[in-house]
Amino acid sequence: AGVHRWPEHVGNGYSVRCLLAVEEEEEEGEEEITFINSFGGTDFDYFFAVDIASDGGYIAAGEAGSDDGDVLETHIGGWRDGILVKYGSTGSVDWHKNFGGTSPDEFWDVKYTNDGGYIAVGGSRSDDHHLEGIGDGNTNAVIVKYDSVGDIDWVKMFGGSNVDKFLGVAQTSDNGYIVVGESQSNDGDVAGMLNGGKDAIIVKYDSEGNVEWNKNFGGTGWDEFWDVTQTTDGKFVAVGKRGTNNAMIVKYDATGDLVWNKYFGGSELDRFRTVKQTNDGGFIVAGDSRSNDGDLAGLNNGNSDGIIVKYDSEGNVEWNKNFGSNSWDGFKGLDITTDGKYVAAGEANNLAVLVQYDTAGNVEWYTEFGGSSYEEFWDVKQTLDGGFVAAGVASSTDGDLAEHHGDEYYAFIVKFDSNGNFE
């Protein structure tokens, strides 16, 4: 702590905690737990999502290309499996599961459910093992309900004869699920619905995995939804990318009818990855942007930046900020703290990064984490003790990861304290 550096000049240091305000003395009390744990083998393994379990531990989801190391005993036989890993509050592995068959399978999101289990979504091309009898050999979207110890309650596929994936999921107030993603199919579950090369899709499931309704959104280009949240009025807000340029935020009512949609960005690629409803009924959204015009005129620091945008309840922009250097930077995860602030997770200058913003969009602190190669966080959640848990992918074997690393690209999870520090 105590290193003062403006966020647009993110450097190559390890675990840099950058304060943009006068430091206050730490309150006396019990020291918060911090840890790091890597997961994988000798191939490519990733965590794309993390959530808080009811026991104060953590659930992480992603994909495993490895068939050795941590996944030796659970590898199914394909060259890529979906993975689900349950951690205790101190970072020990309680259990881990592989999902899929002998073709590529992956999980993109996971959430803890009200019954003590977990809901995971992603994509699957398999038609055997967990997908026997329901897979058709195409890349279909998949939703899987697990119980509290990682046993499968049910598996459902969604899509057609082309590529379909689920990228985000949230449990709804009726104990069902709202799921978003992308679809290139125009048959099967989405027959006659395709608007262009690829559409964003939103699907409402009941608690048993039965489809209540599904909608496509998009134009003639390539559109996708990355995340979704249920609002306090029982409606849904999804975010993603429209065509080749703009980020988008879309609100639906409880039956899937469109309430409003807004686009954000400039003439280059801009994309929203994650959304949360704020305490004032608006929305906080984060993602990445390459534009330096339009809504982002004069803001780009070089190549791609992380972006964070505050909307009111009607989808009007209240403020937007860029974060990054002249490298390739972006945000993929976001959470709202118990005191109403915002913590975004992603990458900056090849390091994993956490950034805390106040409610006006001012950076309060940021933390860089990693080594001399490449790291990024894909998700972040505030923990029960007020700290933060972040998960993603890493490739360094030095710096913060000198004693905690795998081979190739490996999944990793890090627990920070409430000020973004790591010991």
Protein backbone atom coordinates (compact mmCIF):
# COMPACT_ATOMS: atom_id res chain seq x y z
CA ALA A 1 0.00 0.00 0.00
CA GLY A 2 1.03 3.57 -0.40
CA VAL A 3 2.03 3.44 -4.07
CA HIS A 4 0.37 6.44 -5.75
CA ARG A 5 -0.21 6.06 -9.47
CA TRP A 6 -2.97 7.29 -11.74
CA PRO A 7 -5.01 4.47 -13.27
CA GLU A 8 -4.38 5.46 -16.87
CA HIS A 9 -0.72 4.64 -16.32
CA VAL A 10 -1.06 1.09 -15.08
CA GLY A 11 2.39 -0.45 -14.73
CA ASN A 12 4.03 -3.86 -14.52
CA GLY A 13 4.40 -4.12 -10.75
CA TYR A 14 3.08 -7.06 -8.76
CA SER A 15 0.15 -6.68 -6.32
CA VAL A 16 0.26 -2.91 -6.57
CA ARG A 17 -2.35 -1.28 -4.34
CA CYS A 18 -2.89 2.26 -5.63
CA LEU A 19 -4.65 4.74 -3.36
CA LEU A 20 -6.16 7.90 -4.80
CA ALA A 21 -7.06 9.38 -1.43
CA VAL A 22 -5.41 10.01 1.90
CA GLU A 23 -4.75 6.65 3.51
CA GLU A 24 -6.58 5.95 6.73
CA GLU A 25 -5.27 3.80 9.50
CA GLU A 26 -6.57 0.25 9.46
CA GLU A 27 -9.20 -0.39 12.05
CA GLU A 28 -8.16 -2.72 14.80
CA GLY A 29 -9.75 -6.13 14.65
CA GLU A 30 -9.37 -9.61 13.28
CA GLU A 31 -7.20 -9.91 10.20
CA GLU A 32 -9.10 -10.80 7.03
CA ILE A 33 -8.26 -14.03 5.26
CA THR A 34 -6.48 -13.81 1.90
CA PHE A 35 -5.37 -16.70 -0.30
CA ILE A 36 -4.52 -17.81 -3.83
CA ASN A 37 -5.22 -21.21 -5.34
CA SER A 38 -4.42 -22.37 -8.88
CA PHE A 39 -6.27 -25.19 -10.61
CA GLY A 40 -5.56 -27.28 -13.69
CA GLY A 41 -2.95 -29.42 -15.41
CA THR A 42 -0.57 -29.22 -18.34
CA ASP A 43 -3.09 -27.89 -20.88
CA PHE A 44 -5.36 -24.81 -20.98
CA ASP A 45 -7.70 -24.35 -18.00
CA TYR A 46 -9.86 -21.31 -17.22
CA PHE A 47 -12.24 -19.92 -14.60
CA PHE A 48 -14.89 -17.66 -16.13
CA ALA A 49 -17.17 -17.15 -13.10
CA VAL A 50 -17.20 -17.23 -9.31
CA ASP A 51 -19.96 -16.90 -6.71
CA ILE A 52 -20.38 -17.06 -2.94
CA ALA A 53 -21.70 -20.29 -1.39
CA SER A 54 -24.00 -20.38 1.64
CA ASP A 55 -21.21 -21.68 3.90
CA GLY A 56 -18.99 -18.70 3.12
CA GLY A 57 -16.96 -20.63 0.57
CA TYR A 58 -16.83 -20.13 -3.18
CA ILE A 59 -17.96 -21.85 -6.36
CA ALA A 60 -15.94 -21.34 -9.56
CA ALA A 61 -16.81 -22.47 -13.09
CA GLY A 62 -15.01 -22.61 -16.41
CA GLU A 63 -13.37 -25.10 -18.71
CA ALA A 64 -10.52 -27.61 -18.49
CA GLY A 65 -8.42 -28.70 -21.43
CA SER A 66 -6.19 -30.76 -19.15
CA ASP A 67 -6.57 -34.47 -18.44
CA ASP A 68 -3.96 -34.54 -15.67
CA GLY A 69 -3.03 -32.55 -12.57
CA ASP A 70 -6.06 -31.38 -10.60
CA VAL A 71 -8.50 -32.85 -13.13
CA LEU A 72 -6.85 -36.25 -13.57
CA GLU A 73 -9.51 -38.21 -11.67
CA THR A 74 -12.51 -36.28 -13.03
CA HIS A 75 -11.53 -35.89 -16.69
CA ILE A 76 -14.30 -37.30 -18.88
CA GLY A 77 -12.50 -38.08 -22.10
CA GLY A 78 -13.00 -35.08 -24.34
CA TRP A 79 -10.39 -32.49 -25.13
CA ARG A 80 -12.27 -29.83 -23.16
CA ASP A 81 -14.67 -30.27 -20.21
CA GLY A 82 -16.78 -27.86 -18.25
CA ILE A 83 -15.45 -27.60 -14.69
CA LEU A 84 -17.02 -26.70 -11.37
CA VAL A 85 -14.84 -26.25 -8.27
CA LYS A 86 -16.11 -25.70 -4.71
CA TYR A 87 -13.72 -23.93 -2.34
CA GLY A 88 -13.92 -23.47 1.41
CA SER A 89 -13.64 -20.02 2.95
CA THR A 90 -9.87 -20.40 3.39
CA GLY A 91 -9.23 -21.54 -0.19
CA SER A 92 -9.11 -25.31 0.24
CA VAL A 93 -10.86 -27.39 -2.43
CA ASP A 94 -13.97 -29.11 -1.06
CA TRP A 95 -14.79 -30.88 -4.34
CA HIS A 96 -14.52 -30.45 -8.09
CA LYS A 97 -16.48 -31.86 -11.01
CA ASN A 98 -15.94 -32.14 -14.75
CA PHE A 99 -18.92 -31.89 -17.08
CA GLY A 100 -19.59 -32.98 -20.64
CA GLY A 101 -18.65 -35.80 -22.96
CA THR A 102 -16.00 -36.58 -25.54
CA SER A 103 -16.52 -33.35 -27.50
CA PRO A 104 -15.82 -29.75 -26.36
CA ASP A 105 -17.87 -28.54 -23.38
CA GLU A 106 -17.58 -25.40 -21.25
CA PHE A 107 -19.22 -23.45 -18.44
CA TRP A 108 -19.40 -19.66 -18.76
CA ASP A 109 -21.31 -18.76 -15.60
CA VAL A 110 -22.39 -20.22 -12.26
CA LYS A 111 -24.61 -18.97 -9.45
CA TYR A 112 -25.44 -20.25 -5.98
CA THR A 113 -29.15 -21.16 -5.75
CA ASN A 114 -31.68 -20.69 -2.95
CA ASP A 115 -31.87 -24.44 -2.24
CA GLY A 116 -28.15 -24.63 -1.46
CA GLY A 117 -27.13 -25.91 -4.88
CA TYR A 118 -25.72 -24.30 -8.01
CA ILE A 119 -26.83 -23.45 -11.53
CA ALA A 120 -24.21 -23.48 -14.31
CA VAL A 121 -24.58 -22.52 -17.99
CA GLY A 122 -22.40 -22.76 -21.05
CA GLY A 123 -22.05 -24.61 -24.32
CA SER A 124 -21.69 -28.27 -25.26
CA ARG A 125 -21.04 -30.24 -28.43
CA SER A 126 -21.15 -33.65 -26.77
CA ASP A 127 -23.86 -36.29 -27.16
CA ASP A 128 -22.51 -38.82 -24.66
CA HIS A 129 -21.71 -39.12 -20.94
CA HIS A 130 -23.67 -36.26 -19.23
CA LEU A 131 -25.29 -35.37 -22.59
CA GLU A 132 -26.30 -38.89 -23.64
CA GLY A 133 -29.79 -38.84 -25.08
CA ILE A 134 -30.06 -35.03 -25.16
CA GLY A 135 -27.02 -33.86 -27.15
CA ASP A 136 -27.10 -33.94 -30.96
CA GLY A 137 -23.47 -33.31 -31.86
CA ASN A 138 -24.05 -29.61 -32.52
CA THR A 139 -22.78 -26.84 -30.25
CA ASN A 140 -25.85 -26.27 -28.07
CA ALA A 141 -26.43 -24.04 -25.10
CA VAL A 142 -26.57 -26.02 -21.85
CA ILE A 143 -27.95 -25.38 -18.36
CA VAL A 144 -27.09 -27.71 -15.46
CA LYS A 145 -28.53 -27.80 -11.94
CA TYR A 146 -26.25 -29.17 -9.22
CA ASP A 147 -26.99 -29.98 -5.59
CA SER A 148 -24.87 -28.73 -2.69
CA VAL A 149 -22.20 -31.47 -3.08
CA GLY A 150 -21.87 -31.23 -6.85
CA ASP A 151 -24.19 -34.02 -7.95
CA ILE A 152 -26.29 -33.24 -11.02
CA ASP A 153 -30.03 -32.74 -10.49
CA TRP A 154 -30.85 -32.14 -14.17
CA VAL A 155 -29.32 -31.12 -17.51
CA LYS A 156 -31.10 -29.28 -20.34
CA MET A 157 -29.94 -28.38 -23.83
CA PHE A 158 -31.15 -25.44 -25.94
CA GLY A 159 -30.57 -24.46 -29.54
CA GLY A 160 -30.58 -25.76 -33.09
CA SER A 161 -28.21 -27.09 -35.72
CA ASN A 162 -25.71 -24.21 -35.53
CA VAL A 163 -23.65 -22.72 -32.68
CA ASP A 164 -25.63 -21.71 -29.55
CA LYS A 165 -24.21 -20.82 -26.12
CA PHE A 166 -25.40 -19.55 -22.76
CA LEU A 167 -23.06 -16.94 -21.26
CA GLY A 168 -24.89 -15.62 -18.17
CA VAL A 169 -27.48 -16.81 -15.64
CA ALA A 170 -29.37 -15.46 -12.63
CA GLN A 171 -31.91 -17.07 -10.34
CA THR A 172 -35.31 -15.38 -10.43
CA SER A 173 -37.70 -14.48 -7.62
CA ASP A 174 -39.92 -17.49 -8.47
CA ASN A 175 -36.88 -19.82 -8.05
CA GLY A 176 -36.57 -20.22 -11.81
CA TYR A 177 -33.69 -18.98 -13.94
CA ILE A 178 -33.13 -16.25 -16.50
CA VAL A 179 -30.36 -17.10 -18.98
CA VAL A 180 -28.72 -15.13 -21.80
CA GLY A 181 -26.25 -15.89 -24.56
CA GLU A 182 -25.94 -16.13 -28.31
CA SER A 183 -27.45 -18.18 -31.12
CA GLN A 184 -26.61 -18.77 -34.78
CA SER A 185 -29.41 -21.29 -35.29
CA ASN A 186 -32.72 -20.79 -37.05
CA ASP A 187 -34.26 -24.16 -36.23
CA GLY A 188 -34.88 -26.31 -33.17
CA ASP A 189 -35.68 -24.20 -30.11
CA VAL A 190 -35.15 -20.98 -32.08
CA ALA A 191 -36.90 -21.94 -35.31
CA GLY A 192 -37.79 -18.90 -37.41
CA MET A 193 -36.31 -16.45 -34.89
CA LEU A 194 -32.86 -15.64 -36.28
CA ASN A 195 -32.48 -12.00 -37.37
CA GLY A 196 -28.93 -12.13 -38.70
CA GLY A 197 -25.61 -13.95 -38.51
CA LYS A 198 -25.84 -14.29 -34.72
CA ASP A 199 -28.53 -13.12 -32.32
CA ALA A 200 -28.51 -12.40 -28.62
CA ILE A 201 -30.92 -14.74 -26.82
CA ILE A 202 -32.73 -14.61 -23.49
CA VAL A 203 -34.51 -17.68 -22.05
CA LYS A 204 -36.71 -18.01 -18.95
CA TYR A 205 -36.70 -21.40 -17.19
CA ASP A 206 -38.80 -22.64 -14.29
CA SER A 207 -37.20 -24.30 -11.27
CA GLU A 208 -37.17 -27.72 -13.00
CA GLY A 209 -35.48 -26.53 -16.16
CA ASN A 210 -38.55 -26.21 -18.36
CA VAL A 211 -38.55 -23.30 -20.85
CA GLU A 212 -41.27 -20.74 -20.10
CA TRP A 213 -40.33 -18.37 -22.93
CA ASN A 214 -37.39 -17.42 -25.10
CA LYS A 215 -36.62 -14.38 -27.26
CA ASN A 216 -34.06 -13.40 -29.87
CA PHE A 217 -32.63 -9.90 -30.07
CA GLY A 218 -30.55 -8.37 -32.83
CA GLY A 219 -30.22 -7.25 -36.41
CA THR A 220 -28.41 -8.53 -39.47
CA GLY A 221 -25.01 -8.56 -37.72
CA TRP A 222 -23.51 -10.53 -34.83
CA ASP A 223 -25.23 -9.81 -31.53
CA GLU A 224 -24.75 -11.37 -28.10
CA PHE A 225 -25.86 -11.05 -24.47
CA TRP A 226 -23.19 -11.63 -21.82
CA ASP A 227 -25.03 -11.05 -18.54
CA VAL A 228 -28.50 -10.57 -17.07
CA THR A 229 -30.07 -9.49 -13.79
CA GLN A 230 -33.60 -9.45 -12.45
CA THR A 231 -34.75 -6.01 -11.36
CA THR A 232 -36.64 -5.12 -8.21
CA ASP A 233 -39.82 -4.69 -10.27
CA GLY A 234 -39.62 -8.30 -11.49
CA LYS A 235 -38.28 -7.46 -14.95
CA PHE A 236 -34.93 -8.30 -16.56
CA VAL A 237 -31.98 -6.29 -17.86
CA ALA A 238 -29.45 -7.90 -20.21
CA VAL A 239 -26.21 -6.48 -21.58
CA GLY A 240 -23.88 -7.41 -24.40
CA LYS A 241 -22.75 -6.37 -27.86
CA ARG A 242 -24.70 -5.20 -30.92
CA GLY A 243 -23.21 -5.92 -34.31
CA THR A 244 -19.55 -5.07 -34.80
CA ASN A 245 -19.52 -1.84 -32.82
CA ASN A 246 -21.81 -0.89 -29.97
CA ALA A 247 -22.37 -2.15 -26.47
CA MET A 248 -26.03 -2.59 -25.57
CA ILE A 249 -28.34 -2.72 -22.56
CA VAL A 250 -31.87 -4.10 -22.95
CA LYS A 251 -34.79 -4.26 -20.52
CA TYR A 252 -37.53 -6.91 -20.76
CA ASP A 253 -40.73 -7.31 -18.79
CA ALA A 254 -41.55 -10.50 -16.86
CA THR A 255 -42.97 -12.22 -19.96
CA GLY A 256 -40.09 -11.35 -22.28
CA ASP A 257 -41.58 -8.32 -24.01
CA LEU A 258 -39.14 -5.51 -24.78
CA VAL A 259 -39.39 -2.46 -22.48
CA TRP A 260 -36.44 -0.44 -23.82
CA ASN A 261 -33.04 -0.88 -25.41
CA LYS A 262 -30.05 1.46 -25.50
CA TYR A 263 -26.75 1.40 -27.38
CA PHE A 264 -23.41 2.75 -26.21
CA GLY A 265 -20.05 3.35 -27.86
CA GLY A 266 -18.35 4.74 -30.91
CA SER A 267 -17.02 3.57 -34.26
CA GLU A 268 -14.86 0.72 -32.90
CA LEU A 269 -15.69 -2.42 -30.92
CA ASP A 270 -17.45 -1.70 -27.61
CA ARG A 271 -18.98 -4.40 -25.43
CA PHE A 272 -20.75 -4.74 -22.08
CA ARG A 273 -19.84 -7.88 -20.14
CA THR A 274 -21.67 -7.55 -16.83
CA VAL A 275 -24.57 -5.70 -15.16
CA LYS A 276 -25.95 -5.14 -11.65
CA GLN A 277 -28.92 -3.12 -10.43
CA THR A 278 -27.83 -0.29 -8.14
CA ASN A 279 -29.34 0.84 -4.85
CA ASP A 280 -31.11 3.78 -6.55
CA GLY A 281 -32.88 1.51 -9.06
CA GLY A 282 -30.47 2.22 -11.89
CA PHE A 283 -27.79 -0.04 -13.34
CA ILE A 284 -24.02 -0.29 -13.28
CA VAL A 285 -22.42 -1.91 -16.32
CA ALA A 286 -18.82 -2.80 -17.16
CA GLY A 287 -16.99 -4.06 -20.23
CA ASP A 288 -14.37 -3.06 -22.76
CA SER A 289 -14.03 -0.45 -25.50
CA ARG A 290 -11.75 0.41 -28.40
CA SER A 291 -13.57 3.61 -29.42
CA ASN A 292 -12.39 7.17 -28.92
CA ASP A 293 -15.44 8.89 -30.38
CA GLY A 294 -19.20 8.90 -29.84
CA ASP A 295 -20.01 8.20 -26.18
CA LEU A 296 -16.28 7.70 -25.54
CA ALA A 297 -14.88 10.78 -27.25
CA GLY A 298 -11.52 11.72 -25.78
CA LEU A 299 -11.55 8.92 -23.20
CA ASN A 300 -9.59 6.07 -24.79
CA ASN A 301 -6.10 5.53 -23.34
CA GLY A 302 -4.91 3.32 -26.19
CA ASN A 303 -6.02 0.08 -27.84
CA SER A 304 -8.78 -1.34 -25.59
CA ASP A 305 -9.87 0.12 -22.23
CA GLY A 306 -12.03 -1.11 -19.42
CA ILE A 307 -15.28 0.87 -19.28
CA ILE A 308 -17.84 1.34 -16.52
CA VAL A 309 -21.18 3.08 -17.14
CA LYS A 310 -23.89 4.17 -14.72
CA TYR A 311 -27.47 4.20 -16.04
CA ASP A 312 -30.63 5.45 -14.37
CA SER A 313 -33.73 3.24 -14.17
CA GLU A 314 -34.87 4.30 -17.67
CA GLY A 315 -31.58 3.52 -19.38
CA ASN A 316 -30.17 7.05 -19.51
CA VAL A 317 -26.41 7.41 -19.00
CA GLU A 318 -25.50 9.28 -15.80
CA TRP A 319 -21.74 8.89 -16.15
CA ASN A 320 -19.15 6.71 -17.87
CA LYS A 321 -15.44 6.18 -17.26
CA ASN A 322 -12.51 4.52 -19.00
CA PHE A 323 -9.75 2.60 -17.22
CA GLY A 324 -6.48 1.37 -18.67
CA SER A 325 -3.18 2.09 -20.32
CA ASN A 326 -1.99 2.02 -23.93
CA SER A 327 -2.23 -1.78 -23.79
CA TRP A 328 -5.22 -4.12 -24.20
CA ASP A 329 -7.36 -3.61 -21.11
CA GLY A 330 -10.93 -4.50 -20.18
CA PHE A 331 -13.43 -5.38 -17.46
CA LYS A 332 -15.27 -8.70 -17.33
CA GLY A 333 -16.62 -8.90 -13.75
CA LEU A 334 -18.46 -6.48 -11.47
CA ASP A 335 -20.05 -6.41 -8.04
CA ILE A 336 -21.72 -3.85 -5.76
CA THR A 337 -20.34 -3.59 -2.23
CA THR A 338 -22.43 -3.50 0.92
CA ASP A 339 -21.92 0.27 1.10
CA GLY A 340 -23.11 0.78 -2.48
CA LYS A 341 -19.77 1.16 -4.25
CA TYR A 342 -18.63 -0.73 -7.35
CA VAL A 343 -15.74 -3.17 -7.82
CA ALA A 344 -14.76 -4.16 -11.37
CA ALA A 345 -12.42 -7.00 -12.34
CA GLY A 346 -10.49 -7.61 -15.52
CA GLU A 347 -7.08 -7.03 -17.03
CA ALA A 348 -4.74 -4.07 -17.47
CA ASN A 349 -1.38 -4.22 -19.18
CA ASN A 350 -1.30 -8.06 -18.99
CA LEU A 351 -2.04 -8.08 -15.25
CA ALA A 352 -5.23 -9.05 -13.49
CA VAL A 353 -6.81 -5.97 -11.92
CA LEU A 354 -9.48 -4.98 -9.39
CA VAL A 355 -10.78 -1.41 -9.32
CA GLN A 356 -13.11 0.13 -6.73
CA TYR A 357 -15.27 3.11 -7.74
CA ASP A 358 -17.41 5.37 -5.60
CA THR A 359 -21.01 6.07 -6.62
CA ALA A 360 -19.90 9.03 -8.78
CA GLY A 361 -17.42 6.94 -10.77
CA ASN A 362 -14.23 8.09 -9.05
CA VAL A 363 -11.50 5.47 -8.58
CA GLU A 364 -10.89 4.85 -4.87
CA TRP A 365 -8.26 2.15 -5.29
CA TYR A 366 -7.02 -0.43 -7.72
CA THR A 367 -4.96 -3.57 -7.32
CA GLU A 368 -2.77 -5.22 -9.94
CA PHE A 369 -2.03 -8.93 -9.56
CA GLY A 370 0.21 -11.29 -11.50
CA GLY A 371 3.66 -11.82 -12.92
CA SER A 372 5.66 -11.16 -16.06
CA SER A 373 3.44 -13.11 -18.46
CA TYR A 374 -0.35 -12.72 -18.68
CA GLU A 375 -3.23 -12.75 -16.16
CA GLU A 376 -6.85 -11.62 -16.16
CA PHE A 377 -9.79 -11.80 -13.81
CA TRP A 378 -13.09 -12.87 -15.34
CA ASP A 379 -15.31 -12.35 -12.31
CA VAL A 380 -15.40 -10.85 -8.80
CA LYS A 381 -17.73 -11.04 -5.82
CA GLN A 382 -17.67 -9.35 -2.43
CA THR A 383 -17.20 -11.95 0.29
CA LEU A 384 -19.06 -12.37 3.58
CA ASP A 385 -16.16 -10.78 5.52
CA GLY A 386 -16.20 -7.68 3.28
CA GLY A 387 -13.27 -8.73 1.12
CA PHE A 388 -13.31 -9.81 -2.52
CA VAL A 389 -12.84 -13.09 -4.34
CA ALA A 390 -11.77 -12.98 -7.98
CA ALA A 391 -11.26 -15.80 -10.47
CA GLY A 392 -9.76 -16.00 -13.92
CA VAL A 393 -6.86 -17.32 -15.95
CA ALA A 394 -3.09 -16.93 -15.52
CA SER A 395 0.10 -17.96 -17.28
CA SER A 396 2.91 -16.46 -15.14
CA THR A 397 5.29 -18.49 -13.00
CA ASP A 398 6.77 -15.56 -11.11
CA GLY A 399 5.66 -12.49 -9.16
CA ASP A 400 2.48 -13.11 -7.18
CA LEU A 401 2.22 -16.54 -8.82
CA ALA A 402 5.76 -17.78 -8.15
CA GLU A 403 4.59 -20.49 -5.74
CA HIS A 404 1.06 -20.96 -7.07
CA HIS A 405 0.96 -21.78 -10.75
CA GLY A 406 0.29 -24.48 -13.30
CA ASP A 407 1.38 -25.17 -16.85
CA GLU A 408 0.25 -23.33 -19.99
CA TYR A 409 -2.81 -21.23 -19.05
CA TYR A 410 -4.26 -22.27 -15.69
CA ALA A 411 -7.35 -21.31 -13.72
CA PHE A 412 -6.81 -19.39 -10.49
CA ILE A 413 -8.78 -17.85 -7.65
CA VAL A 414 -7.62 -15.08 -5.29
CA LYS A 415 -9.14 -13.79 -2.05
CA PHE A 416 -8.39 -10.12 -1.26
CA ASP A 417 -9.20 -8.17 1.88
CA SER A 418 -11.74 -5.34 1.95
CA ASN A 419 -9.17 -2.79 0.76
CA GLY A 420 -7.97 -4.86 -2.19
CA ASN A 421 -4.82 -6.03 -0.45
CA PHE A 422 -3.34 -9.51 -0.77
CA GLU A 423 -0.90 -11.12 1.65
